Amino acid sequence: MIEGKGIRILVNEVATRDGFQMEDHFIPTDDKVALVDRLSALGYAKIEVTSFTSPKAMPALADGEQVMRRIARRPALVYTALVPNVRGAERALDSRVDEFNVVMSCSESHNLANLRMTREQSFAQLVRVVSIAQAARVPVNVSLSCTFGCPMEGEVSLSTVLDWVDRFAALRVQGITLCDTTGMAFPTQVQQVCAAAQERCPELEFTAHFHNTRAMGLVNTIAAIDAGIRRLDLALGGIGGCPYAPGATGNVATEDVVHMLNCMGYDTGIDTEALIDVAAVLQKLVQHELPAQVSRAGTRLKRHEPPVDFSDIVARAHARGVIQETS
């Protein structure tokens, strides 16, 4: 395991897109803007604010333009959004998005189920989106879904993943996110895939994106870092999910990962207590308990009051000679 001291980990917050799209009620636009503004003050490298998918297809994020235009932007913080097609690209540019995040799956079955297109059809569409972004001098990141397995096909071969990495690298995109879309990844696999992708295209910025479906999100995060990954997609509160993993928990929680990495000496640039405070606001917005652990338990050194009869317990222990007097 790599010694964490001095290693900078860049944290991307995806709760306001990947998380909100899975909620069963609409979060008011004012609340979305206020939440992004609070998140902007915490030290993130990037915030995925919204999606420019058709409002009919994703009503939870139908206010994407309004949110992007109203947030208070901070220098050096990248405000990105999901851009699925040419129409979405036009809307995103009008809304002054800092980066396009485009998505397709490494798995044919998942791509058909999720995007209603074959992979080749998706790629052809995304070539046009990338071209639009580059003409406007807007960076593009590609999120490759089902990098670590498909819920319908099972294993996804490393060669398949690397082929898609190569094809997008040839388009001169800025970065690629390796997505564990339904939480199928395991640590040794994560190390292999992340190391191979970075070796294949060292010029790209690689990000790891894990879901905590099978409670391996934290260990997979460490495996990715050990393999050289320095950028992470995380979701405050652990919200999110995927319709193809019914009943599963969402993305690995920002506060859980940041707490762990801060304890290990990594430099995340984010204070865990500040995350816990904003997570309390998020819980009110989504109107259900958050899956994250640290939001409930607090940081590892959080102090608790002893039992009300603790002085009596101590006195009895002294009387029995269990506790020795010290000079």
C-alpha atoms as a PDB file:
ATOM      1  CA  MET A   1       0.000   0.000   0.000  1.00  0.00           C
ATOM      2  CA  ILE A   2       1.331   3.433  -0.996  1.00  0.00           C
ATOM      3  CA  GLU A   3       2.286   5.806   1.833  1.00  0.00           C
ATOM      4  CA  GLY A   4      -0.251   8.617   1.678  1.00  0.00           C
ATOM      5  CA  LYS A   5       1.836  11.476   3.008  1.00  0.00           C
ATOM      6  CA  GLY A   6       2.211  14.268   0.483  1.00  0.00           C
ATOM      7  CA  ILE A   7       0.169  12.623  -2.286  1.00  0.00           C
ATOM      8  CA  ARG A   8      -2.559  14.878  -3.662  1.00  0.00           C
ATOM      9  CA  ILE A   9      -5.880  13.244  -4.492  1.00  0.00           C
ATOM     10  CA  LEU A  10      -8.287  15.270  -6.640  1.00  0.00           C
ATOM     11  CA  VAL A  11     -11.908  14.785  -5.631  1.00  0.00           C
ATOM     12  CA  ASN A  12     -14.837  15.170  -8.043  1.00  0.00           C
ATOM     13  CA  GLU A  13     -18.321  15.504  -6.541  1.00  0.00           C
ATOM     14  CA  VAL A  14     -21.065  13.759  -8.540  1.00  0.00           C
ATOM     15  CA  ALA A  15     -24.017  13.753  -6.114  1.00  0.00           C
ATOM     16  CA  THR A  16     -25.741  16.666  -7.838  1.00  0.00           C
ATOM     17  CA  ARG A  17     -25.898  14.714 -11.117  1.00  0.00           C
ATOM     18  CA  ASP A  18     -25.301  11.007 -10.607  1.00  0.00           C
ATOM     19  CA  GLY A  19     -27.049  11.147  -7.240  1.00  0.00           C
ATOM     20  CA  PHE A  20     -30.012  13.421  -7.960  1.00  0.00           C
ATOM     21  CA  GLN A  21     -30.947  11.578 -11.154  1.00  0.00           C
ATOM     22  CA  MET A  22     -31.875   8.553  -9.030  1.00  0.00           C
ATOM     23  CA  GLU A  23     -34.075  10.413  -6.530  1.00  0.00           C
ATOM     24  CA  ASP A  24     -37.817   9.826  -6.775  1.00  0.00           C
ATOM     25  CA  HIS A  25     -38.818  13.459  -6.282  1.00  0.00           C
ATOM     26  CA  PHE A  26     -37.692  16.711  -7.889  1.00  0.00           C
ATOM     27  CA  ILE A  27     -35.145  18.740  -5.908  1.00  0.00           C
ATOM     28  CA  PRO A  28     -36.122  22.426  -6.304  1.00  0.00           C
ATOM     29  CA  THR A  29     -33.802  24.499  -8.473  1.00  0.00           C
ATOM     30  CA  ASP A  30     -33.062  26.986  -5.690  1.00  0.00           C
ATOM     31  CA  ASP A  31     -31.962  24.126  -3.440  1.00  0.00           C
ATOM     32  CA  LYS A  32     -29.714  22.657  -6.142  1.00  0.00           C
ATOM     33  CA  VAL A  33     -28.014  26.003  -6.689  1.00  0.00           C
ATOM     34  CA  ALA A  34     -27.538  26.555  -2.960  1.00  0.00           C
ATOM     35  CA  LEU A  35     -26.082  23.054  -2.524  1.00  0.00           C
ATOM     36  CA  VAL A  36     -23.598  23.472  -5.389  1.00  0.00           C
ATOM     37  CA  ASP A  37     -22.539  26.820  -3.932  1.00  0.00           C
ATOM     38  CA  ARG A  38     -21.880  25.182  -0.555  1.00  0.00           C
ATOM     39  CA  LEU A  39     -19.979  22.341  -2.174  1.00  0.00           C
ATOM     40  CA  SER A  40     -17.892  24.865  -4.114  1.00  0.00           C
ATOM     41  CA  ALA A  41     -16.394  26.139  -0.859  1.00  0.00           C
ATOM     42  CA  LEU A  42     -15.139  22.741   0.324  1.00  0.00           C
ATOM     43  CA  GLY A  43     -12.032  22.167  -1.818  1.00  0.00           C
ATOM     44  CA  TYR A  44     -13.211  19.947  -4.691  1.00  0.00           C
ATOM     45  CA  ALA A  45     -11.341  19.765  -7.973  1.00  0.00           C
ATOM     46  CA  LYS A  46     -14.549  19.301  -9.968  1.00  0.00           C
ATOM     47  CA  ILE A  47     -18.314  19.256  -9.435  1.00  0.00           C
ATOM     48  CA  GLU A  48     -20.600  17.432 -11.861  1.00  0.00           C
ATOM     49  CA  VAL A  49     -23.464  19.872 -11.581  1.00  0.00           C
ATOM     50  CA  THR A  50     -26.178  18.437 -13.798  1.00  0.00           C
ATOM     51  CA  SER A  51     -27.068  16.626 -17.015  1.00  0.00           C
ATOM     52  CA  PHE A  52     -28.141  17.949 -20.400  1.00  0.00           C
ATOM     53  CA  THR A  53     -30.106  14.824 -21.202  1.00  0.00           C
ATOM     54  CA  SER A  54     -33.615  15.417 -22.542  1.00  0.00           C
ATOM     55  CA  PRO A  55     -35.869  16.725 -19.734  1.00  0.00           C
ATOM     56  CA  LYS A  56     -38.426  14.074 -20.722  1.00  0.00           C
ATOM     57  CA  ALA A  57     -35.857  11.320 -20.258  1.00  0.00           C
ATOM     58  CA  MET A  58     -34.496  12.743 -17.005  1.00  0.00           C
ATOM     59  CA  PRO A  59     -37.074  15.060 -15.376  1.00  0.00           C
ATOM     60  CA  ALA A  60     -35.084  15.187 -12.117  1.00  0.00           C
ATOM     61  CA  LEU A  61     -32.475  17.330 -13.921  1.00  0.00           C
ATOM     62  CA  ALA A  62     -34.757  19.220 -16.295  1.00  0.00           C
ATOM     63  CA  ASP A  63     -33.512  22.505 -14.809  1.00  0.00           C
ATOM     64  CA  GLY A  64     -29.900  21.948 -15.892  1.00  0.00           C
ATOM     65  CA  GLU A  65     -29.554  25.266 -17.731  1.00  0.00           C
ATOM     66  CA  GLN A  66     -30.968  27.262 -14.833  1.00  0.00           C
ATOM     67  CA  VAL A  67     -28.685  25.601 -12.307  1.00  0.00           C
ATOM     68  CA  MET A  68     -25.535  26.028 -14.409  1.00  0.00           C
ATOM     69  CA  ARG A  69     -26.279  29.692 -15.068  1.00  0.00           C
ATOM     70  CA  ARG A  70     -27.073  30.573 -11.453  1.00  0.00           C
ATOM     71  CA  ILE A  71     -24.287  28.870  -9.494  1.00  0.00           C
ATOM     72  CA  ALA A  72     -21.525  31.084  -8.074  1.00  0.00           C
ATOM     73  CA  ARG A  73     -18.386  29.882  -9.828  1.00  0.00           C
ATOM     74  CA  ARG A  74     -15.017  29.687  -8.125  1.00  0.00           C
ATOM     75  CA  PRO A  75     -11.691  30.005  -9.927  1.00  0.00           C
ATOM     76  CA  ALA A  76      -9.832  26.730 -10.584  1.00  0.00           C
ATOM     77  CA  LEU A  77     -12.935  24.650  -9.778  1.00  0.00           C
ATOM     78  CA  VAL A  78     -14.258  22.789 -12.837  1.00  0.00           C
ATOM     79  CA  TYR A  79     -18.035  22.754 -13.245  1.00  0.00           C
ATOM     80  CA  THR A  80     -18.804  19.806 -15.502  1.00  0.00           C
ATOM     81  CA  ALA A  81     -22.021  18.229 -16.767  1.00  0.00           C
ATOM     82  CA  LEU A  82     -23.189  15.100 -18.532  1.00  0.00           C
ATOM     83  CA  VAL A  83     -23.566  15.815 -22.253  1.00  0.00           C
ATOM     84  CA  PRO A  84     -25.188  12.888 -24.094  1.00  0.00           C
ATOM     85  CA  ASN A  85     -25.702  14.179 -27.644  1.00  0.00           C
ATOM     86  CA  VAL A  86     -25.445  17.135 -30.032  1.00  0.00           C
ATOM     87  CA  ARG A  87     -28.536  18.879 -28.648  1.00  0.00           C
ATOM     88  CA  GLY A  88     -27.171  18.451 -25.144  1.00  0.00           C
ATOM     89  CA  ALA A  89     -23.851  19.902 -26.308  1.00  0.00           C
ATOM     90  CA  GLU A  90     -25.592  23.020 -27.615  1.00  0.00           C
ATOM     91  CA  ARG A  91     -27.461  23.464 -24.312  1.00  0.00           C
ATOM     92  CA  ALA A  92     -24.264  22.921 -22.335  1.00  0.00           C
ATOM     93  CA  LEU A  93     -22.327  25.531 -24.296  1.00  0.00           C
ATOM     94  CA  ASP A  94     -25.150  28.043 -23.822  1.00  0.00           C
ATOM     95  CA  SER A  95     -24.935  27.373 -20.081  1.00  0.00           C
ATOM     96  CA  ARG A  96     -21.151  27.949 -19.935  1.00  0.00           C
ATOM     97  CA  VAL A  97     -20.177  24.435 -18.873  1.00  0.00           C
ATOM     98  CA  ASP A  98     -16.431  24.121 -18.119  1.00  0.00           C
ATOM     99  CA  GLU A  99     -16.190  20.517 -19.306  1.00  0.00           C
ATOM    100  CA  PHE A 100     -18.291  17.992 -21.194  1.00  0.00           C
ATOM    101  CA  ASN A 101     -18.635  14.587 -19.549  1.00  0.00           C
ATOM    102  CA  VAL A 102     -19.784  12.100 -22.208  1.00  0.00           C
ATOM    103  CA  VAL A 103     -20.852   8.558 -21.407  1.00  0.00           C
ATOM    104  CA  MET A 104     -21.020   5.190 -23.110  1.00  0.00           C
ATOM    105  CA  SER A 105     -20.629   1.605 -21.970  1.00  0.00           C
ATOM    106  CA  CYS A 106     -17.895  -0.929 -22.620  1.00  0.00           C
ATOM    107  CA  SER A 107     -20.689  -3.531 -22.655  1.00  0.00           C
ATOM    108  CA  GLU A 108     -22.985  -3.840 -25.679  1.00  0.00           C
ATOM    109  CA  SER A 109     -25.941  -5.047 -23.596  1.00  0.00           C
ATOM    110  CA  HIS A 110     -25.638  -2.258 -21.027  1.00  0.00           C
ATOM    111  CA  ASN A 111     -25.223   0.373 -23.737  1.00  0.00           C
ATOM    112  CA  LEU A 112     -28.368  -0.842 -25.492  1.00  0.00           C
ATOM    113  CA  ALA A 113     -30.354  -1.002 -22.250  1.00  0.00           C
ATOM    114  CA  ASN A 114     -29.100   2.322 -20.896  1.00  0.00           C
ATOM    115  CA  LEU A 115     -28.667   4.451 -24.027  1.00  0.00           C
ATOM    116  CA  ARG A 116     -30.891   2.613 -26.547  1.00  0.00           C
ATOM    117  CA  MET A 117     -27.987   2.410 -29.003  1.00  0.00           C
ATOM    118  CA  THR A 118     -25.234   0.004 -29.944  1.00  0.00           C
ATOM    119  CA  ARG A 119     -21.749   0.974 -28.866  1.00  0.00           C
ATOM    120  CA  GLU A 120     -20.844   1.932 -32.428  1.00  0.00           C
ATOM    121  CA  GLN A 121     -23.892   4.176 -32.664  1.00  0.00           C
ATOM    122  CA  SER A 122     -22.973   5.790 -29.345  1.00  0.00           C
ATOM    123  CA  PHE A 123     -19.391   6.308 -30.435  1.00  0.00           C
ATOM    124  CA  ALA A 124     -20.449   7.921 -33.730  1.00  0.00           C
ATOM    125  CA  GLN A 125     -22.698  10.320 -31.828  1.00  0.00           C
ATOM    126  CA  LEU A 126     -19.988  11.143 -29.303  1.00  0.00           C
ATOM    127  CA  VAL A 127     -17.481  11.869 -32.076  1.00  0.00           C
ATOM    128  CA  ARG A 128     -19.784  14.732 -33.074  1.00  0.00           C
ATOM    129  CA  VAL A 129     -20.140  15.911 -29.451  1.00  0.00           C
ATOM    130  CA  VAL A 130     -16.367  15.889 -28.966  1.00  0.00           C
ATOM    131  CA  SER A 131     -15.930  17.872 -32.174  1.00  0.00           C
ATOM    132  CA  ILE A 132     -18.415  20.516 -30.979  1.00  0.00           C
ATOM    133  CA  ALA A 133     -16.643  20.798 -27.626  1.00  0.00           C
ATOM    134  CA  GLN A 134     -13.201  21.076 -29.164  1.00  0.00           C
ATOM    135  CA  ALA A 135     -14.372  23.750 -31.603  1.00  0.00           C
ATOM    136  CA  ALA A 136     -15.519  25.740 -28.569  1.00  0.00           C
ATOM    137  CA  ARG A 137     -12.294  24.899 -26.698  1.00  0.00           C
ATOM    138  CA  VAL A 138     -14.157  23.031 -23.978  1.00  0.00           C
ATOM    139  CA  PRO A 139     -12.378  19.942 -22.557  1.00  0.00           C
ATOM    140  CA  VAL A 140     -14.030  16.536 -22.811  1.00  0.00           C
ATOM    141  CA  ASN A 141     -13.974  13.689 -20.304  1.00  0.00           C
ATOM    142  CA  VAL A 142     -15.290  10.253 -21.270  1.00  0.00           C
ATOM    143  CA  SER A 143     -16.988   8.077 -18.647  1.00  0.00           C
ATOM    144  CA  LEU A 144     -16.729   4.431 -19.689  1.00  0.00           C
ATOM    145  CA  SER A 145     -19.528   2.535 -17.959  1.00  0.00           C
ATOM    146  CA  CYS A 146     -19.207  -1.141 -17.005  1.00  0.00           C
ATOM    147  CA  THR A 147     -15.414  -1.057 -17.128  1.00  0.00           C
ATOM    148  CA  PHE A 148     -15.239  -3.717 -14.423  1.00  0.00           C
ATOM    149  CA  GLY A 149     -18.193  -5.900 -15.385  1.00  0.00           C
ATOM    150  CA  CYS A 150     -21.681  -5.859 -16.890  1.00  0.00           C
ATOM    151  CA  PRO A 151     -24.819  -6.902 -14.947  1.00  0.00           C
ATOM    152  CA  MET A 152     -26.147  -8.624 -18.090  1.00  0.00           C
ATOM    153  CA  GLU A 153     -23.013 -10.016 -19.755  1.00  0.00           C
ATOM    154  CA  GLY A 154     -20.778 -10.631 -16.747  1.00  0.00           C
ATOM    155  CA  GLU A 155     -17.052 -10.077 -17.272  1.00  0.00           C
ATOM    156  CA  VAL A 156     -15.855  -7.306 -19.557  1.00  0.00           C
ATOM    157  CA  SER A 157     -12.426  -8.110 -20.937  1.00  0.00           C
ATOM    158  CA  LEU A 158      -9.466  -5.834 -20.356  1.00  0.00           C
ATOM    159  CA  SER A 159      -8.824  -5.792 -24.095  1.00  0.00           C
ATOM    160  CA  THR A 160     -12.336  -4.407 -24.663  1.00  0.00           C
ATOM    161  CA  VAL A 161     -11.751  -1.639 -22.142  1.00  0.00           C
ATOM    162  CA  LEU A 162      -8.385  -0.725 -23.640  1.00  0.00           C
ATOM    163  CA  ASP A 163      -9.809  -0.703 -27.168  1.00  0.00           C
ATOM    164  CA  TRP A 164     -12.326   1.956 -26.137  1.00  0.00           C
ATOM    165  CA  VAL A 165      -9.641   3.895 -24.271  1.00  0.00           C
ATOM    166  CA  ASP A 166      -7.571   3.881 -27.480  1.00  0.00           C
ATOM    167  CA  ARG A 167     -10.465   5.058 -29.633  1.00  0.00           C
ATOM    168  CA  PHE A 168     -11.264   8.013 -27.411  1.00  0.00           C
ATOM    169  CA  ALA A 169      -7.602   8.865 -26.947  1.00  0.00           C
ATOM    170  CA  ALA A 170      -7.395   9.134 -30.731  1.00  0.00           C
ATOM    171  CA  LEU A 171     -10.079  11.850 -30.540  1.00  0.00           C
ATOM    172  CA  ARG A 172      -7.759  13.810 -28.208  1.00  0.00           C
ATOM    173  CA  VAL A 173     -10.137  13.915 -25.246  1.00  0.00           C
ATOM    174  CA  GLN A 174      -8.679  15.208 -22.002  1.00  0.00           C
ATOM    175  CA  GLY A 175      -9.600  12.378 -19.666  1.00  0.00           C
ATOM    176  CA  ILE A 176     -11.325   9.041 -19.168  1.00  0.00           C
ATOM    177  CA  THR A 177     -13.249   7.851 -16.141  1.00  0.00           C
ATOM    178  CA  LEU A 178     -13.159   4.118 -15.444  1.00  0.00           C
ATOM    179  CA  CYS A 179     -16.631   3.420 -14.046  1.00  0.00           C
ATOM    180  CA  ASP A 180     -17.705   0.555 -11.822  1.00  0.00           C
ATOM    181  CA  THR A 181     -21.312   1.223 -12.782  1.00  0.00           C
ATOM    182  CA  THR A 182     -23.038  -1.508 -10.771  1.00  0.00           C
ATOM    183  CA  GLY A 183     -20.402  -2.232  -8.137  1.00  0.00           C
ATOM    184  CA  MET A 184     -18.890  -5.367  -9.657  1.00  0.00           C
ATOM    185  CA  ALA A 185     -15.212  -4.432  -9.249  1.00  0.00           C
ATOM    186  CA  PHE A 186     -12.767  -6.048  -6.825  1.00  0.00           C
ATOM    187  CA  PRO A 187      -9.343  -4.750  -5.744  1.00  0.00           C
ATOM    188  CA  THR A 188      -6.912  -6.864  -7.782  1.00  0.00           C
ATOM    189  CA  GLN A 189      -9.017  -6.315 -10.889  1.00  0.00           C
ATOM    190  CA  VAL A 190      -9.071  -2.577 -10.206  1.00  0.00           C
ATOM    191  CA  GLN A 191      -5.288  -2.494  -9.934  1.00  0.00           C
ATOM    192  CA  GLN A 192      -4.877  -4.390 -13.199  1.00  0.00           C
ATOM    193  CA  VAL A 193      -7.324  -2.285 -15.208  1.00  0.00           C
ATOM    194  CA  CYS A 194      -6.180   1.077 -13.837  1.00  0.00           C
ATOM    195  CA  ALA A 195      -2.496   0.289 -14.314  1.00  0.00           C
ATOM    196  CA  ALA A 196      -3.028  -1.008 -17.854  1.00  0.00           C
ATOM    197  CA  ALA A 197      -5.102   1.997 -18.926  1.00  0.00           C
ATOM    198  CA  GLN A 198      -2.560   4.493 -17.613  1.00  0.00           C
ATOM    199  CA  GLU A 199       0.315   2.634 -19.211  1.00  0.00           C
ATOM    200  CA  ARG A 200      -1.581   2.508 -22.508  1.00  0.00           C
ATOM    201  CA  CYS A 201      -2.384   6.258 -22.609  1.00  0.00           C
ATOM    202  CA  PRO A 202      -0.246   8.170 -20.086  1.00  0.00           C
ATOM    203  CA  GLU A 203      -1.242  11.487 -21.658  1.00  0.00           C
ATOM    204  CA  LEU A 204      -4.852  11.118 -20.428  1.00  0.00           C
ATOM    205  CA  GLU A 205      -6.230  12.149 -17.044  1.00  0.00           C
ATOM    206  CA  PHE A 206      -7.752   8.991 -15.566  1.00  0.00           C
ATOM    207  CA  THR A 207     -10.463   9.047 -12.908  1.00  0.00           C
ATOM    208  CA  ALA A 208     -11.886   6.131 -10.904  1.00  0.00           C
ATOM    209  CA  HIS A 209     -15.629   5.943 -10.262  1.00  0.00           C
ATOM    210  CA  PHE A 210     -16.884   3.253  -7.870  1.00  0.00           C
ATOM    211  CA  HIS A 211     -20.277   2.204  -6.574  1.00  0.00           C
ATOM    212  CA  ASN A 212     -20.594   0.576  -3.185  1.00  0.00           C
ATOM    213  CA  THR A 213     -23.085  -2.084  -4.260  1.00  0.00           C
ATOM    214  CA  ARG A 214     -21.139  -4.940  -2.654  1.00  0.00           C
ATOM    215  CA  ALA A 215     -19.384  -2.908   0.063  1.00  0.00           C
ATOM    216  CA  MET A 216     -16.072  -2.843  -1.820  1.00  0.00           C
ATOM    217  CA  GLY A 217     -16.045   0.841  -2.728  1.00  0.00           C
ATOM    218  CA  LEU A 218     -13.418   1.837  -0.159  1.00  0.00           C
ATOM    219  CA  VAL A 219     -11.006  -1.020  -0.844  1.00  0.00           C
ATOM    220  CA  ASN A 220     -11.396  -0.503  -4.585  1.00  0.00           C
ATOM    221  CA  THR A 221     -10.550   3.165  -4.087  1.00  0.00           C
ATOM    222  CA  ILE A 222      -7.308   2.241  -2.320  1.00  0.00           C
ATOM    223  CA  ALA A 223      -6.523  -0.271  -5.075  1.00  0.00           C
ATOM    224  CA  ALA A 224      -6.988   2.443  -7.711  1.00  0.00           C
ATOM    225  CA  ILE A 225      -4.718   4.842  -5.834  1.00  0.00           C
ATOM    226  CA  ASP A 226      -2.100   2.130  -5.442  1.00  0.00           C
ATOM    227  CA  ALA A 227      -2.261   1.708  -9.228  1.00  0.00           C
ATOM    228  CA  GLY A 228      -1.540   5.405  -9.735  1.00  0.00           C
ATOM    229  CA  ILE A 229      -5.010   6.948 -10.029  1.00  0.00           C
ATOM    230  CA  ARG A 230      -5.122  10.449  -8.526  1.00  0.00           C
ATOM    231  CA  ARG A 231      -8.666  11.518  -9.421  1.00  0.00           C
ATOM    232  CA  LEU A 232     -11.847  10.129  -7.863  1.00  0.00           C
ATOM    233  CA  ASP A 233     -15.563  10.526  -8.534  1.00  0.00           C
ATOM    234  CA  LEU A 234     -17.415  10.498  -5.210  1.00  0.00           C
ATOM    235  CA  ALA A 235     -21.008  11.242  -4.176  1.00  0.00           C
ATOM    236  CA  LEU A 236     -21.843  13.052  -0.952  1.00  0.00           C
ATOM    237  CA  GLY A 237     -23.902  10.833   1.310  1.00  0.00           C
ATOM    238  CA  GLY A 238     -23.333   7.846  -0.980  1.00  0.00           C
ATOM    239  CA  ILE A 239     -26.457   8.653  -3.006  1.00  0.00           C
ATOM    240  CA  GLY A 240     -26.946   7.472  -6.569  1.00  0.00           C
ATOM    241  CA  GLY A 241     -27.211   4.027  -8.057  1.00  0.00           C
ATOM    242  CA  CYS A 242     -28.128   2.312 -11.277  1.00  0.00           C
ATOM    243  CA  PRO A 243     -31.463   0.909 -12.508  1.00  0.00           C
ATOM    244  CA  TYR A 244     -29.615  -2.278 -13.513  1.00  0.00           C
ATOM    245  CA  ALA A 245     -28.552  -3.031  -9.936  1.00  0.00           C
ATOM    246  CA  PRO A 246     -31.941  -2.992  -8.152  1.00  0.00           C
ATOM    247  CA  GLY A 247     -31.818  -2.299  -4.433  1.00  0.00           C
ATOM    248  CA  ALA A 248     -28.127  -1.482  -4.505  1.00  0.00           C
ATOM    249  CA  THR A 249     -26.518   1.393  -2.653  1.00  0.00           C
ATOM    250  CA  GLY A 250     -25.178   4.297  -4.642  1.00  0.00           C
ATOM    251  CA  ASN A 251     -21.769   5.740  -5.346  1.00  0.00           C
ATOM    252  CA  VAL A 252     -19.020   5.419  -2.793  1.00  0.00           C
ATOM    253  CA  ALA A 253     -19.606   8.245  -0.309  1.00  0.00           C
ATOM    254  CA  THR A 254     -17.474  11.377  -0.431  1.00  0.00           C
ATOM    255  CA  GLU A 255     -17.270  11.736   3.341  1.00  0.00           C
ATOM    256  CA  ASP A 256     -16.337   8.067   3.834  1.00  0.00           C
ATOM    257  CA  VAL A 257     -13.505   8.181   1.290  1.00  0.00           C
ATOM    258  CA  VAL A 258     -12.207  11.616   2.276  1.00  0.00           C
ATOM    259  CA  HIS A 259     -12.197  10.618   5.958  1.00  0.00           C
ATOM    260  CA  MET A 260     -10.267   7.441   5.147  1.00  0.00           C
ATOM    261  CA  LEU A 261      -7.720   9.187   2.924  1.00  0.00           C
ATOM    262  CA  ASN A 262      -7.219  12.068   5.354  1.00  0.00           C
ATOM    263  CA  CYS A 263      -6.542   9.532   8.130  1.00  0.00           C
ATOM    264  CA  MET A 264      -3.961   7.851   5.892  1.00  0.00           C
ATOM    265  CA  GLY A 265      -2.123  11.099   5.235  1.00  0.00           C
ATOM    266  CA  TYR A 266      -3.290  11.801   1.688  1.00  0.00           C
ATOM    267  CA  ASP A 267      -3.943  15.412   0.755  1.00  0.00           C
ATOM    268  CA  THR A 268      -7.573  15.654  -0.392  1.00  0.00           C
ATOM    269  CA  GLY A 269      -7.861  19.365   0.338  1.00  0.00           C
ATOM    270  CA  ILE A 270     -11.251  18.691   1.965  1.00  0.00           C
ATOM    271  CA  ASP A 271     -12.213  18.796   5.647  1.00  0.00           C
ATOM    272  CA  THR A 272     -14.355  15.844   6.733  1.00  0.00           C
ATOM    273  CA  GLU A 273     -16.363  17.830   9.289  1.00  0.00           C
ATOM    274  CA  ALA A 274     -17.334  20.319   6.585  1.00  0.00           C
ATOM    275  CA  LEU A 275     -18.571  17.429   4.432  1.00  0.00           C
ATOM    276  CA  ILE A 276     -20.647  16.083   7.314  1.00  0.00           C
ATOM    277  CA  ASP A 277     -22.289  19.492   7.748  1.00  0.00           C
ATOM    278  CA  VAL A 278     -23.260  19.687   4.059  1.00  0.00           C
ATOM    279  CA  ALA A 279     -24.392  16.033   4.098  1.00  0.00           C
ATOM    280  CA  ALA A 280     -26.967  17.020   6.735  1.00  0.00           C
ATOM    281  CA  VAL A 281     -28.357  19.576   4.279  1.00  0.00           C
ATOM    282  CA  LEU A 282     -28.378  16.965   1.511  1.00  0.00           C
ATOM    283  CA  GLN A 283     -30.317  14.499   3.670  1.00  0.00           C
ATOM    284  CA  LYS A 284     -33.087  17.049   4.140  1.00  0.00           C
ATOM    285  CA  LEU A 285     -33.247  17.614   0.388  1.00  0.00           C
ATOM    286  CA  VAL A 286     -33.494  13.931  -0.564  1.00  0.00           C
ATOM    287  CA  GLN A 287     -35.818  13.167   2.371  1.00  0.00           C
ATOM    288  CA  HIS A 288     -34.263   9.839   3.285  1.00  0.00           C
ATOM    289  CA  GLU A 289     -31.328   8.517   5.292  1.00  0.00           C
ATOM    290  CA  LEU A 290     -27.986   8.665   3.524  1.00  0.00           C
ATOM    291  CA  PRO A 291     -26.054   5.415   2.973  1.00  0.00           C
ATOM    292  CA  ALA A 292     -22.763   7.032   4.074  1.00  0.00           C
ATOM    293  CA  GLN A 293     -21.248   5.836   7.345  1.00  0.00           C
ATOM    294  CA  VAL A 294     -19.149   8.804   8.455  1.00  0.00           C
ATOM    295  CA  SER A 295     -22.128  11.181   8.308  1.00  0.00           C
ATOM    296  CA  ARG A 296     -23.762   9.060  11.011  1.00  0.00           C
ATOM    297  CA  ALA A 297     -20.794   7.964  13.107  1.00  0.00           C
ATOM    298  CA  GLY A 298     -18.628  11.060  12.830  1.00  0.00           C
ATOM    299  CA  THR A 299     -14.862  11.107  12.431  1.00  0.00           C
ATOM    300  CA  ARG A 300     -12.757   8.453  14.163  1.00  0.00           C
ATOM    301  CA  LEU A 301     -11.739  10.722  17.062  1.00  0.00           C
ATOM    302  CA  LYS A 302     -15.227  12.019  17.798  1.00  0.00           C
ATOM    303  CA  ARG A 303     -15.640  11.981  21.570  1.00  0.00           C
ATOM    304  CA  HIS A 304     -18.684  10.695  23.427  1.00  0.00           C
ATOM    305  CA  GLU A 305     -19.848  11.306  26.964  1.00  0.00           C
ATOM    306  CA  PRO A 306     -19.293   8.368  29.363  1.00  0.00           C
ATOM    307  CA  PRO A 307     -22.306   6.713  31.049  1.00  0.00           C
ATOM    308  CA  VAL A 308     -24.139   8.884  33.583  1.00  0.00           C
ATOM    309  CA  ASP A 309     -22.975   6.605  36.423  1.00  0.00           C
ATOM    310  CA  PHE A 310     -19.359   6.578  35.239  1.00  0.00           C
ATOM    311  CA  SER A 311     -18.015   8.135  38.474  1.00  0.00           C
ATOM    312  CA  ASP A 312     -19.668   5.346  40.477  1.00  0.00           C
ATOM    313  CA  ILE A 313     -18.161   2.746  38.133  1.00  0.00           C
ATOM    314  CA  VAL A 314     -14.713   4.256  38.666  1.00  0.00           C
ATOM    315  CA  ALA A 315     -15.187   4.377  42.446  1.00  0.00           C
ATOM    316  CA  ARG A 316     -16.219   0.722  42.611  1.00  0.00           C
ATOM    317  CA  ALA A 317     -13.280  -0.263  40.418  1.00  0.00           C
ATOM    318  CA  HIS A 318     -10.938   1.562  42.813  1.00  0.00           C
ATOM    319  CA  ALA A 319     -12.548  -0.198  45.750  1.00  0.00           C
ATOM    320  CA  ARG A 320     -11.967  -3.599  44.166  1.00  0.00           C
ATOM    321  CA  GLY A 321      -8.378  -2.698  43.353  1.00  0.00           C
ATOM    322  CA  VAL A 322      -9.017  -2.922  39.616  1.00  0.00           C
ATOM    323  CA  ILE A 323      -7.716   0.600  39.135  1.00  0.00           C
ATOM    324  CA  GLN A 324      -4.394   1.370  40.793  1.00  0.00           C
ATOM    325  CA  GLU A 325      -3.752   4.792  42.247  1.00  0.00           C
ATOM    326  CA  THR A 326      -0.972   6.711  40.524  1.00  0.00           C
ATOM    327  CA  SER A 327       1.274   9.263  42.167  1.00  0.00           C
END
